[in-house]
């Protein structure tokens, strides 16, 4: 009965871990490809004035 209880505990842990939402947006700071564009400057007005 001890083994069955341990297996049930492991099964519930596995279900709980799999049910947890995974973080999809990982912030890499300055190394994020979304932030490093051209020279790295994030300006919106300069691009419209050119």
PDB file of N, CA and C in Angstrom:
ATOM      1  N   UNK A   1       0.827  -1.197   0.000  1.00  0.00           N
ATOM      2  CA  UNK A   1       0.000   0.000   0.000  1.00  0.00           C
ATOM      3  C   UNK A   1       0.869   1.257   0.000  1.00  0.00           C
ATOM      4  N   UNK A   2       2.050   1.159   0.553  1.00  0.00           N
ATOM      5  CA  UNK A   2       2.974   2.296   0.601  1.00  0.00           C
ATOM      6  C   UNK A   2       3.428   2.684  -0.810  1.00  0.00           C
ATOM      7  N   UNK A   3       3.665   1.696  -1.654  1.00  0.00           N
ATOM      8  CA  UNK A   3       4.116   1.968  -3.021  1.00  0.00           C
ATOM      9  C   UNK A   3       2.991   2.626  -3.824  1.00  0.00           C
ATOM     10  N   UNK A   4       1.779   2.161  -3.640  1.00  0.00           N
ATOM     11  CA  UNK A   4       0.637   2.736  -4.347  1.00  0.00           C
ATOM     12  C   UNK A   4       0.439   4.199  -3.963  1.00  0.00           C
ATOM     13  N   UNK A   5       0.599   4.498  -2.696  1.00  0.00           N
ATOM     14  CA  UNK A   5       0.458   5.877  -2.237  1.00  0.00           C
ATOM     15  C   UNK A   5       1.542   6.768  -2.842  1.00  0.00           C
ATOM     16  N   UNK A   6       2.759   6.265  -2.906  1.00  0.00           N
ATOM     17  CA  UNK A   6       3.858   7.037  -3.491  1.00  0.00           C
ATOM     18  C   UNK A   6       3.631   7.257  -4.982  1.00  0.00           C
ATOM     19  N   UNK A   7       3.126   6.237  -5.671  1.00  0.00           N
ATOM     20  CA  UNK A   7       2.859   6.379  -7.102  1.00  0.00           C
ATOM     21  C   UNK A   7       1.729   7.375  -7.364  1.00  0.00           C
ATOM     22  N   UNK A   8       0.725   7.348  -6.516  1.00  0.00           N
ATOM     23  CA  UNK A   8      -0.376   8.302  -6.674  1.00  0.00           C
ATOM     24  C   UNK A   8       0.110   9.734  -6.439  1.00  0.00           C
ATOM     25  N   UNK A   9       0.988   9.906  -5.458  1.00  0.00           N
ATOM     26  CA  UNK A   9       1.544  11.230  -5.189  1.00  0.00           C
ATOM     27  C   UNK A   9       2.353  11.722  -6.379  1.00  0.00           C
ATOM     28  N   UNK A  10       3.169  10.854  -6.961  1.00  0.00           N
ATOM     29  CA  UNK A  10       3.953  11.229  -8.137  1.00  0.00           C
ATOM     30  C   UNK A  10       3.048  11.553  -9.321  1.00  0.00           C
ATOM     31  N   UNK A  11       1.970  10.801  -9.474  1.00  0.00           N
ATOM     32  CA  UNK A  11       1.039  11.053 -10.578  1.00  0.00           C
ATOM     33  C   UNK A  11       0.379  12.418 -10.424  1.00  0.00           C
ATOM     34  N   UNK A  12      -0.037  12.762  -9.200  1.00  0.00           N
ATOM     35  CA  UNK A  12      -0.659  14.068  -8.980  1.00  0.00           C
ATOM     36  C   UNK A  12       0.338  15.204  -9.200  1.00  0.00           C
ATOM     37  N   UNK A  13       1.585  14.986  -8.815  1.00  0.00           N
ATOM     38  CA  UNK A  13       2.606  16.005  -9.058  1.00  0.00           C
ATOM     39  C   UNK A  13       2.836  16.201 -10.550  1.00  0.00           C
ATOM     40  N   UNK A  14       2.885  15.109 -11.293  1.00  0.00           N
ATOM     41  CA  UNK A  14       3.106  15.201 -12.738  1.00  0.00           C
ATOM     42  C   UNK A  14       1.954  15.929 -13.418  1.00  0.00           C
ATOM     43  N   UNK A  15       0.736  15.640 -13.000  1.00  0.00           N
ATOM     44  CA  UNK A  15      -0.426  16.317 -13.581  1.00  0.00           C
ATOM     45  C   UNK A  15      -0.397  17.797 -13.227  1.00  0.00           C
ATOM     46  N   UNK A  16      -0.029  18.112 -12.003  1.00  0.00           N
ATOM     47  CA  UNK A  16       0.032  19.511 -11.587  1.00  0.00           C
ATOM     48  C   UNK A  16       1.094  20.292 -12.328  1.00  0.00           C
ATOM     49  N   UNK A  17       2.230  19.666 -12.563  1.00  0.00           N
ATOM     50  CA  UNK A  17       3.310  20.347 -13.285  1.00  0.00           C
ATOM     51  C   UNK A  17       2.916  20.556 -14.742  1.00  0.00           C
ATOM     52  N   UNK A  18       2.289  19.562 -15.346  1.00  0.00           N
ATOM     53  CA  UNK A  18       1.894  19.685 -16.749  1.00  0.00           C
ATOM     54  C   UNK A  18       0.741  20.657 -16.933  1.00  0.00           C
ATOM     55  N   UNK A  19      -0.080  20.831 -15.917  1.00  0.00           N
ATOM     56  CA  UNK A  19      -1.223  21.731 -16.030  1.00  0.00           C
ATOM     57  C   UNK A  19      -0.821  23.188 -15.834  1.00  0.00           C
ATOM     58  N   UNK A  20       0.335  23.424 -15.236  1.00  0.00           N
ATOM     59  CA  UNK A  20       0.776  24.801 -15.001  1.00  0.00           C
ATOM     60  C   UNK A  20       1.126  25.450 -16.336  1.00  0.00           C
ATOM     61  N   UNK A  21       0.661  26.674 -16.556  1.00  0.00           N
ATOM     62  CA  UNK A  21       0.964  27.340 -17.829  1.00  0.00           C
ATOM     63  C   UNK A  21       2.445  27.686 -17.921  1.00  0.00           C
ATOM     64  N   UNK A  22       3.018  27.419 -19.062  1.00  0.00           N
ATOM     65  CA  UNK A  22       4.438  27.711 -19.275  1.00  0.00           C
ATOM     66  C   UNK A  22       4.592  29.179 -19.666  1.00  0.00           C
ATOM     67  N   UNK A  23       5.609  29.835 -19.141  1.00  0.00           N
ATOM     68  CA  UNK A  23       5.833  31.224 -19.551  1.00  0.00           C
ATOM     69  C   UNK A  23       6.301  31.280 -21.003  1.00  0.00           C
ATOM     70  N   UNK A  24       5.545  31.959 -21.837  1.00  0.00           N
ATOM     71  CA  UNK A  24       5.883  31.997 -23.258  1.00  0.00           C
ATOM     72  C   UNK A  24       6.717  33.218 -23.621  1.00  0.00           C
ATOM     73  N   UNK A  25       6.594  34.283 -22.852  1.00  0.00           N
ATOM     74  CA  UNK A  25       7.389  35.472 -23.153  1.00  0.00           C
ATOM     75  C   UNK A  25       8.529  35.551 -22.139  1.00  0.00           C
ATOM     76  N   UNK A  26       9.688  35.169 -22.562  1.00  0.00           N
ATOM     77  CA  UNK A  26      10.869  35.194 -21.702  1.00  0.00           C
ATOM     78  C   UNK A  26      11.617  36.490 -21.996  1.00  0.00           C
ATOM     79  N   UNK A  27      11.742  37.322 -20.995  1.00  0.00           N
ATOM     80  CA  UNK A  27      12.391  38.613 -21.166  1.00  0.00           C
ATOM     81  C   UNK A  27      13.902  38.435 -21.071  1.00  0.00           C
ATOM     82  N   UNK A  28      14.594  38.707 -22.166  1.00  0.00           N
ATOM     83  CA  UNK A  28      16.045  38.586 -22.185  1.00  0.00           C
ATOM     84  C   UNK A  28      16.734  39.940 -22.054  1.00  0.00           C
ATOM     85  N   UNK A  29      15.964  40.966 -21.820  1.00  0.00           N
ATOM     86  CA  UNK A  29      16.549  42.284 -21.631  1.00  0.00           C
ATOM     87  C   UNK A  29      17.152  42.826 -22.908  1.00  0.00           C
ATOM     88  N   UNK A  30      18.404  43.232 -22.847  1.00  0.00           N
ATOM     89  CA  UNK A  30      19.063  43.845 -24.000  1.00  0.00           C
ATOM     90  C   UNK A  30      19.332  42.839 -25.110  1.00  0.00           C
ATOM     91  N   UNK A  31      19.272  41.552 -24.818  1.00  0.00           N
ATOM     92  CA  UNK A  31      19.570  40.542 -25.826  1.00  0.00           C
ATOM     93  C   UNK A  31      18.325  40.073 -26.570  1.00  0.00           C
ATOM     94  N   UNK A  32      17.175  40.656 -26.258  1.00  0.00           N
ATOM     95  CA  UNK A  32      15.942  40.254 -26.921  1.00  0.00           C
ATOM     96  C   UNK A  32      15.955  40.716 -28.371  1.00  0.00           C
ATOM     97  N   UNK A  33      15.676  39.829 -29.324  1.00  0.00           N
ATOM     98  CA  UNK A  33      15.700  40.225 -30.733  1.00  0.00           C
ATOM     99  C   UNK A  33      14.634  41.266 -31.077  1.00  0.00           C
ATOM    100  N   UNK A  34      13.568  41.335 -30.287  1.00  0.00           N
ATOM    101  CA  UNK A  34      12.533  42.327 -30.557  1.00  0.00           C
ATOM    102  C   UNK A  34      13.014  43.734 -30.216  1.00  0.00           C
ATOM    103  N   UNK A  35      13.983  43.847 -29.334  1.00  0.00           N
ATOM    104  CA  UNK A  35      14.469  45.164 -28.932  1.00  0.00           C
ATOM    105  C   UNK A  35      15.675  45.615 -29.746  1.00  0.00           C
ATOM    106  N   UNK A  36      16.441  44.672 -30.280  1.00  0.00           N
ATOM    107  CA  UNK A  36      17.647  45.027 -31.019  1.00  0.00           C
ATOM    108  C   UNK A  36      17.274  45.148 -32.493  1.00  0.00           C
ATOM    109  N   UNK A  37      16.999  46.374 -32.915  1.00  0.00           N
ATOM    110  CA  UNK A  37      16.624  46.635 -34.306  1.00  0.00           C
ATOM    111  C   UNK A  37      17.536  47.731 -34.824  1.00  0.00           C
ATOM    112  N   UNK A  38      18.288  47.449 -35.862  1.00  0.00           N
ATOM    113  CA  UNK A  38      19.209  48.441 -36.411  1.00  0.00           C
ATOM    114  C   UNK A  38      20.308  48.743 -35.409  1.00  0.00           C
ATOM    115  N   UNK A  39      20.357  49.996 -34.966  1.00  0.00           N
ATOM    116  CA  UNK A  39      21.383  50.384 -34.002  1.00  0.00           C
ATOM    117  C   UNK A  39      20.907  50.200 -32.570  1.00  0.00           C
ATOM    118  N   UNK A  40      19.713  49.651 -32.399  1.00  0.00           N
ATOM    119  CA  UNK A  40      19.209  49.405 -31.064  1.00  0.00           C
ATOM    120  C   UNK A  40      18.361  50.531 -30.518  1.00  0.00           C
ATOM    121  N   UNK A  41      18.264  51.634 -31.264  1.00  0.00           N
ATOM    122  CA  UNK A  41      17.464  52.767 -30.800  1.00  0.00           C
ATOM    123  C   UNK A  41      15.996  52.515 -31.100  1.00  0.00           C
ATOM    124  N   UNK A  42      15.174  52.708 -30.100  1.00  0.00           N
ATOM    125  CA  UNK A  42      13.735  52.517 -30.268  1.00  0.00           C
ATOM    126  C   UNK A  42      13.075  53.882 -30.421  1.00  0.00           C
ATOM    127  N   UNK A  43      13.047  54.387 -31.636  1.00  0.00           N
ATOM    128  CA  UNK A  43      12.411  55.677 -31.884  1.00  0.00           C
ATOM    129  C   UNK A  43      11.341  55.488 -32.946  1.00  0.00           C
ATOM    130  N   UNK A  44      10.180  56.037 -32.689  1.00  0.00           N
ATOM    131  CA  UNK A  44       9.087  55.934 -33.649  1.00  0.00           C
ATOM    132  C   UNK A  44       8.962  57.198 -34.497  1.00  0.00           C
ATOM    133  N   UNK A  45       9.243  58.351 -33.909  1.00  0.00           N
ATOM    134  CA  UNK A  45       9.057  59.606 -34.639  1.00  0.00           C
ATOM    135  C   UNK A  45      10.115  59.806 -35.712  1.00  0.00           C
ATOM    136  N   UNK A  46      11.349  59.389 -35.462  1.00  0.00           N
ATOM    137  CA  UNK A  46      12.413  59.564 -36.448  1.00  0.00           C
ATOM    138  C   UNK A  46      12.130  58.770 -37.713  1.00  0.00           C
ATOM    139  N   UNK A  47      11.536  57.610 -37.578  1.00  0.00           N
ATOM    140  CA  UNK A  47      11.279  56.792 -38.758  1.00  0.00           C
ATOM    141  C   UNK A  47      10.191  57.416 -39.632  1.00  0.00           C
ATOM    142  N   UNK A  48       9.269  58.179 -39.038  1.00  0.00           N
ATOM    143  CA  UNK A  48       8.209  58.812 -39.827  1.00  0.00           C
ATOM    144  C   UNK A  48       8.698  60.099 -40.488  1.00  0.00           C
ATOM    145  N   UNK A  49       9.693  60.743 -39.902  1.00  0.00           N
ATOM    146  CA  UNK A  49      10.169  62.013 -40.448  1.00  0.00           C
ATOM    147  C   UNK A  49      11.061  61.816 -41.660  1.00  0.00           C
ATOM    148  N   UNK A  50      11.629  60.648 -41.839  1.00  0.00           N
ATOM    149  CA  UNK A  50      12.575  60.425 -42.941  1.00  0.00           C
ATOM    150  C   UNK A  50      11.897  60.238 -44.251  1.00  0.00           C
TER     151      UNK A  50
END
